[in-house]
Amino acid sequence: MQILVLNGANLDALSRRDPSVYGGLSLNELESRIYEWAHALDLSARCRQSNSEGEFIDWIHDAYDTVDGLIVNPGAWSHYSYAIRDALELLTVPFVEVHLSNIESREEWRRHSVVADLASRRVIGKGPEGYREALEYLAGTGEE
């Protein structure tokens, strides 16, 4: 089973962000954990990160016929990018929206996600472990 993990804007600077909110890992450390968790679940994962909205959308388009599921953390784009929403809406495979922090208990502008209603599942506020939960869900071993 092929899983694409897409991380959006500013997640490349994860280790510089508030560890009490974002978990204290670097993006490389997070991706290493994702690969380990995927391997343990007999999944093949590919992680990508971009600060370019267009590139992020291109990766979603590329996934239409090549993956069995996606994990998507659009970062701040979650709150306003209808272009990313439109790209995700065309998926025929499940995707999980993941946020390291609990966006629903943060600043007012962070509480709304324009992709939430499209996601097969949402995992928010669980730090890096949220990615493991998303992988387990896509593998069919997580909670429904």
C-alpha atoms as a PDB file:
ATOM      1  CA  MET A   1       0.000   0.000   0.000  1.00  0.00           C
ATOM      2  CA  GLN A   2       1.469   3.344  -1.130  1.00  0.00           C
ATOM      3  CA  ILE A   3       0.962   6.344   1.178  1.00  0.00           C
ATOM      4  CA  LEU A   4       1.961   9.910   0.351  1.00  0.00           C
ATOM      5  CA  VAL A   5       2.600  12.252   3.277  1.00  0.00           C
ATOM      6  CA  LEU A   6       2.431  15.935   2.357  1.00  0.00           C
ATOM      7  CA  ASN A   7       3.560  18.630   4.771  1.00  0.00           C
ATOM      8  CA  GLY A   8       2.920  22.235   3.909  1.00  0.00           C
ATOM      9  CA  ALA A   9       4.132  25.710   4.643  1.00  0.00           C
ATOM     10  CA  ASN A  10       6.718  26.227   7.387  1.00  0.00           C
ATOM     11  CA  LEU A  11       6.898  22.594   8.430  1.00  0.00           C
ATOM     12  CA  ASP A  12      10.502  22.574   7.215  1.00  0.00           C
ATOM     13  CA  ALA A  13      11.183  24.922  10.171  1.00  0.00           C
ATOM     14  CA  LEU A  14       9.457  22.626  12.644  1.00  0.00           C
ATOM     15  CA  SER A  15      12.401  22.436  15.046  1.00  0.00           C
ATOM     16  CA  ARG A  16      12.368  26.247  15.353  1.00  0.00           C
ATOM     17  CA  ARG A  17       8.699  26.417  16.318  1.00  0.00           C
ATOM     18  CA  ASP A  18       7.332  26.287  19.857  1.00  0.00           C
ATOM     19  CA  PRO A  19       7.979  22.709  21.067  1.00  0.00           C
ATOM     20  CA  SER A  20       5.031  22.864  23.475  1.00  0.00           C
ATOM     21  CA  VAL A  21       2.765  23.365  20.446  1.00  0.00           C
ATOM     22  CA  TYR A  22       4.560  21.438  17.689  1.00  0.00           C
ATOM     23  CA  GLY A  23       6.352  18.620  19.512  1.00  0.00           C
ATOM     24  CA  GLY A  24      10.008  19.636  19.354  1.00  0.00           C
ATOM     25  CA  LEU A  25      11.101  17.427  16.430  1.00  0.00           C
ATOM     26  CA  SER A  26      12.756  18.534  13.234  1.00  0.00           C
ATOM     27  CA  LEU A  27      11.058  17.656   9.959  1.00  0.00           C
ATOM     28  CA  ASN A  28      13.774  15.058   9.298  1.00  0.00           C
ATOM     29  CA  GLU A  29      13.147  13.440  12.682  1.00  0.00           C
ATOM     30  CA  LEU A  30       9.401  13.436  12.057  1.00  0.00           C
ATOM     31  CA  GLU A  31       9.858  11.870   8.622  1.00  0.00           C
ATOM     32  CA  SER A  32      12.156   9.183  10.063  1.00  0.00           C
ATOM     33  CA  ARG A  33       9.434   8.246  12.534  1.00  0.00           C
ATOM     34  CA  ILE A  34       6.831   8.191   9.779  1.00  0.00           C
ATOM     35  CA  TYR A  35       8.997   5.813   7.724  1.00  0.00           C
ATOM     36  CA  GLU A  36       9.517   3.541  10.749  1.00  0.00           C
ATOM     37  CA  TRP A  37       5.795   3.466  11.574  1.00  0.00           C
ATOM     38  CA  ALA A  38       4.885   2.825   7.923  1.00  0.00           C
ATOM     39  CA  HIS A  39       7.383  -0.034   7.683  1.00  0.00           C
ATOM     40  CA  ALA A  40       5.956  -1.630  10.845  1.00  0.00           C
ATOM     41  CA  LEU A  41       2.496  -1.487   9.222  1.00  0.00           C
ATOM     42  CA  ASP A  42       3.750  -2.929   5.904  1.00  0.00           C
ATOM     43  CA  LEU A  43       3.083   0.384   4.174  1.00  0.00           C
ATOM     44  CA  SER A  44       5.303   2.198   1.718  1.00  0.00           C
ATOM     45  CA  ALA A  45       5.390   5.890   2.591  1.00  0.00           C
ATOM     46  CA  ARG A  46       6.851   8.860   0.791  1.00  0.00           C
ATOM     47  CA  CYS A  47       7.179  12.176   2.623  1.00  0.00           C
ATOM     48  CA  ARG A  48       7.298  15.539   0.905  1.00  0.00           C
ATOM     49  CA  GLN A  49       7.276  19.121   2.178  1.00  0.00           C
ATOM     50  CA  SER A  50       6.885  22.392   0.332  1.00  0.00           C
ATOM     51  CA  ASN A  51       6.462  26.071   1.049  1.00  0.00           C
ATOM     52  CA  SER A  52       5.091  26.488  -2.475  1.00  0.00           C
ATOM     53  CA  GLU A  53       1.337  26.093  -2.724  1.00  0.00           C
ATOM     54  CA  GLY A  54       1.519  25.298  -6.425  1.00  0.00           C
ATOM     55  CA  GLU A  55       4.053  22.522  -5.884  1.00  0.00           C
ATOM     56  CA  PHE A  56       1.895  21.096  -3.074  1.00  0.00           C
ATOM     57  CA  ILE A  57      -1.100  21.037  -5.440  1.00  0.00           C
ATOM     58  CA  ASP A  58       0.994  19.396  -8.183  1.00  0.00           C
ATOM     59  CA  TRP A  59       1.901  16.608  -5.746  1.00  0.00           C
ATOM     60  CA  ILE A  60      -1.777  16.050  -4.987  1.00  0.00           C
ATOM     61  CA  HIS A  61      -2.491  15.876  -8.727  1.00  0.00           C
ATOM     62  CA  ASP A  62       0.359  13.376  -9.179  1.00  0.00           C
ATOM     63  CA  ALA A  63      -1.188  11.231  -6.434  1.00  0.00           C
ATOM     64  CA  TYR A  64      -4.537  10.771  -8.199  1.00  0.00           C
ATOM     65  CA  ASP A  65      -3.530   7.515  -9.854  1.00  0.00           C
ATOM     66  CA  THR A  66      -0.398   6.509  -7.974  1.00  0.00           C
ATOM     67  CA  VAL A  67      -1.162   6.123  -4.241  1.00  0.00           C
ATOM     68  CA  ASP A  68      -3.603   4.287  -2.023  1.00  0.00           C
ATOM     69  CA  GLY A  69      -3.959   7.061   0.546  1.00  0.00           C
ATOM     70  CA  LEU A  70      -2.622  10.420   1.647  1.00  0.00           C
ATOM     71  CA  ILE A  71      -1.752  12.113   4.888  1.00  0.00           C
ATOM     72  CA  VAL A  72      -1.972  15.866   4.510  1.00  0.00           C
ATOM     73  CA  ASN A  73      -0.809  18.604   6.864  1.00  0.00           C
ATOM     74  CA  PRO A  74      -1.265  21.774   4.833  1.00  0.00           C
ATOM     75  CA  GLY A  75      -0.116  23.970   7.713  1.00  0.00           C
ATOM     76  CA  ALA A  76      -1.548  27.479   7.468  1.00  0.00           C
ATOM     77  CA  TRP A  77      -2.982  26.689   4.018  1.00  0.00           C
ATOM     78  CA  SER A  78      -5.584  24.615   5.880  1.00  0.00           C
ATOM     79  CA  HIS A  79      -7.334  27.792   6.865  1.00  0.00           C
ATOM     80  CA  TYR A  80      -7.732  29.477   3.491  1.00  0.00           C
ATOM     81  CA  SER A  81      -6.460  27.540   0.454  1.00  0.00           C
ATOM     82  CA  TYR A  82      -9.446  26.653  -1.654  1.00  0.00           C
ATOM     83  CA  ALA A  83      -7.003  25.666  -4.411  1.00  0.00           C
ATOM     84  CA  ILE A  84      -5.673  22.859  -2.198  1.00  0.00           C
ATOM     85  CA  ARG A  85      -9.239  21.976  -1.236  1.00  0.00           C
ATOM     86  CA  ASP A  86     -10.208  21.719  -4.927  1.00  0.00           C
ATOM     87  CA  ALA A  87      -7.231  19.418  -5.613  1.00  0.00           C
ATOM     88  CA  LEU A  88      -8.052  17.174  -2.629  1.00  0.00           C
ATOM     89  CA  GLU A  89     -11.717  17.023  -3.608  1.00  0.00           C
ATOM     90  CA  LEU A  90     -10.792  15.106  -6.768  1.00  0.00           C
ATOM     91  CA  LEU A  91      -9.055  12.279  -4.888  1.00  0.00           C
ATOM     92  CA  THR A  92     -10.623   8.848  -5.155  1.00  0.00           C
ATOM     93  CA  VAL A  93      -8.534   7.467  -2.276  1.00  0.00           C
ATOM     94  CA  PRO A  94      -8.859   8.329   1.421  1.00  0.00           C
ATOM     95  CA  PHE A  95      -6.847  11.107   2.980  1.00  0.00           C
ATOM     96  CA  VAL A  96      -6.239  12.018   6.585  1.00  0.00           C
ATOM     97  CA  GLU A  97      -5.840  15.636   7.646  1.00  0.00           C
ATOM     98  CA  VAL A  98      -3.198  15.885  10.385  1.00  0.00           C
ATOM     99  CA  HIS A  99      -2.209  18.830  12.565  1.00  0.00           C
ATOM    100  CA  LEU A 100       0.457  18.599  15.237  1.00  0.00           C
ATOM    101  CA  SER A 101      -1.327  21.174  17.387  1.00  0.00           C
ATOM    102  CA  ASN A 102      -4.968  21.297  18.356  1.00  0.00           C
ATOM    103  CA  ILE A 103      -6.043  23.945  15.869  1.00  0.00           C
ATOM    104  CA  GLU A 104      -9.525  24.022  17.387  1.00  0.00           C
ATOM    105  CA  SER A 105      -8.202  25.454  20.656  1.00  0.00           C
ATOM    106  CA  ARG A 106      -5.812  28.002  19.159  1.00  0.00           C
ATOM    107  CA  GLU A 107      -6.303  31.464  17.692  1.00  0.00           C
ATOM    108  CA  GLU A 108      -9.703  32.047  16.129  1.00  0.00           C
ATOM    109  CA  TRP A 109      -8.323  32.176  12.585  1.00  0.00           C
ATOM    110  CA  ARG A 110      -6.720  28.721  12.980  1.00  0.00           C
ATOM    111  CA  ARG A 111      -9.905  26.987  14.085  1.00  0.00           C
ATOM    112  CA  HIS A 112     -11.406  26.532  10.622  1.00  0.00           C
ATOM    113  CA  SER A 113     -10.007  24.109   8.056  1.00  0.00           C
ATOM    114  CA  VAL A 114     -11.269  24.373   4.491  1.00  0.00           C
ATOM    115  CA  VAL A 115     -10.398  20.695   3.883  1.00  0.00           C
ATOM    116  CA  ALA A 116     -11.893  19.190   7.067  1.00  0.00           C
ATOM    117  CA  ASP A 117     -15.168  18.071   5.497  1.00  0.00           C
ATOM    118  CA  LEU A 118     -13.334  16.260   2.685  1.00  0.00           C
ATOM    119  CA  ALA A 119     -10.999  14.246   4.904  1.00  0.00           C
ATOM    120  CA  SER A 120     -11.747  10.603   5.622  1.00  0.00           C
ATOM    121  CA  ARG A 121     -10.379  11.268   9.090  1.00  0.00           C
ATOM    122  CA  ARG A 122      -8.843  14.150  11.027  1.00  0.00           C
ATOM    123  CA  VAL A 123      -6.123  13.840  13.656  1.00  0.00           C
ATOM    124  CA  ILE A 124      -5.374  17.060  15.501  1.00  0.00           C
ATOM    125  CA  GLY A 125      -3.443  17.964  18.603  1.00  0.00           C
ATOM    126  CA  LYS A 126      -1.584  14.694  19.046  1.00  0.00           C
ATOM    127  CA  GLY A 127       1.848  15.951  18.021  1.00  0.00           C
ATOM    128  CA  PRO A 128       4.022  13.625  15.944  1.00  0.00           C
ATOM    129  CA  GLU A 129       1.962  10.628  17.129  1.00  0.00           C
ATOM    130  CA  GLY A 130      -0.888  11.951  14.995  1.00  0.00           C
ATOM    131  CA  TYR A 131       0.954  10.761  11.905  1.00  0.00           C
ATOM    132  CA  ARG A 132       1.165   7.255  13.341  1.00  0.00           C
ATOM    133  CA  GLU A 133      -2.568   7.301  14.030  1.00  0.00           C
ATOM    134  CA  ALA A 134      -3.174   8.437  10.447  1.00  0.00           C
ATOM    135  CA  LEU A 135      -1.001   5.620   9.078  1.00  0.00           C
ATOM    136  CA  GLU A 136      -2.824   3.074  11.244  1.00  0.00           C
ATOM    137  CA  TYR A 137      -6.167   4.353   9.974  1.00  0.00           C
ATOM    138  CA  LEU A 138      -5.064   4.087   6.331  1.00  0.00           C
ATOM    139  CA  ALA A 139      -3.643   0.606   6.988  1.00  0.00           C
ATOM    140  CA  GLY A 140      -6.992  -0.434   8.404  1.00  0.00           C
ATOM    141  CA  THR A 141      -5.569  -1.134  11.847  1.00  0.00           C
ATOM    142  CA  GLY A 142      -6.621   2.089  13.565  1.00  0.00           C
ATOM    143  CA  GLU A 143      -9.837   3.072  15.258  1.00  0.00           C
ATOM    144  CA  GLU A 144     -12.757   3.823  12.996  1.00  0.00           C
END
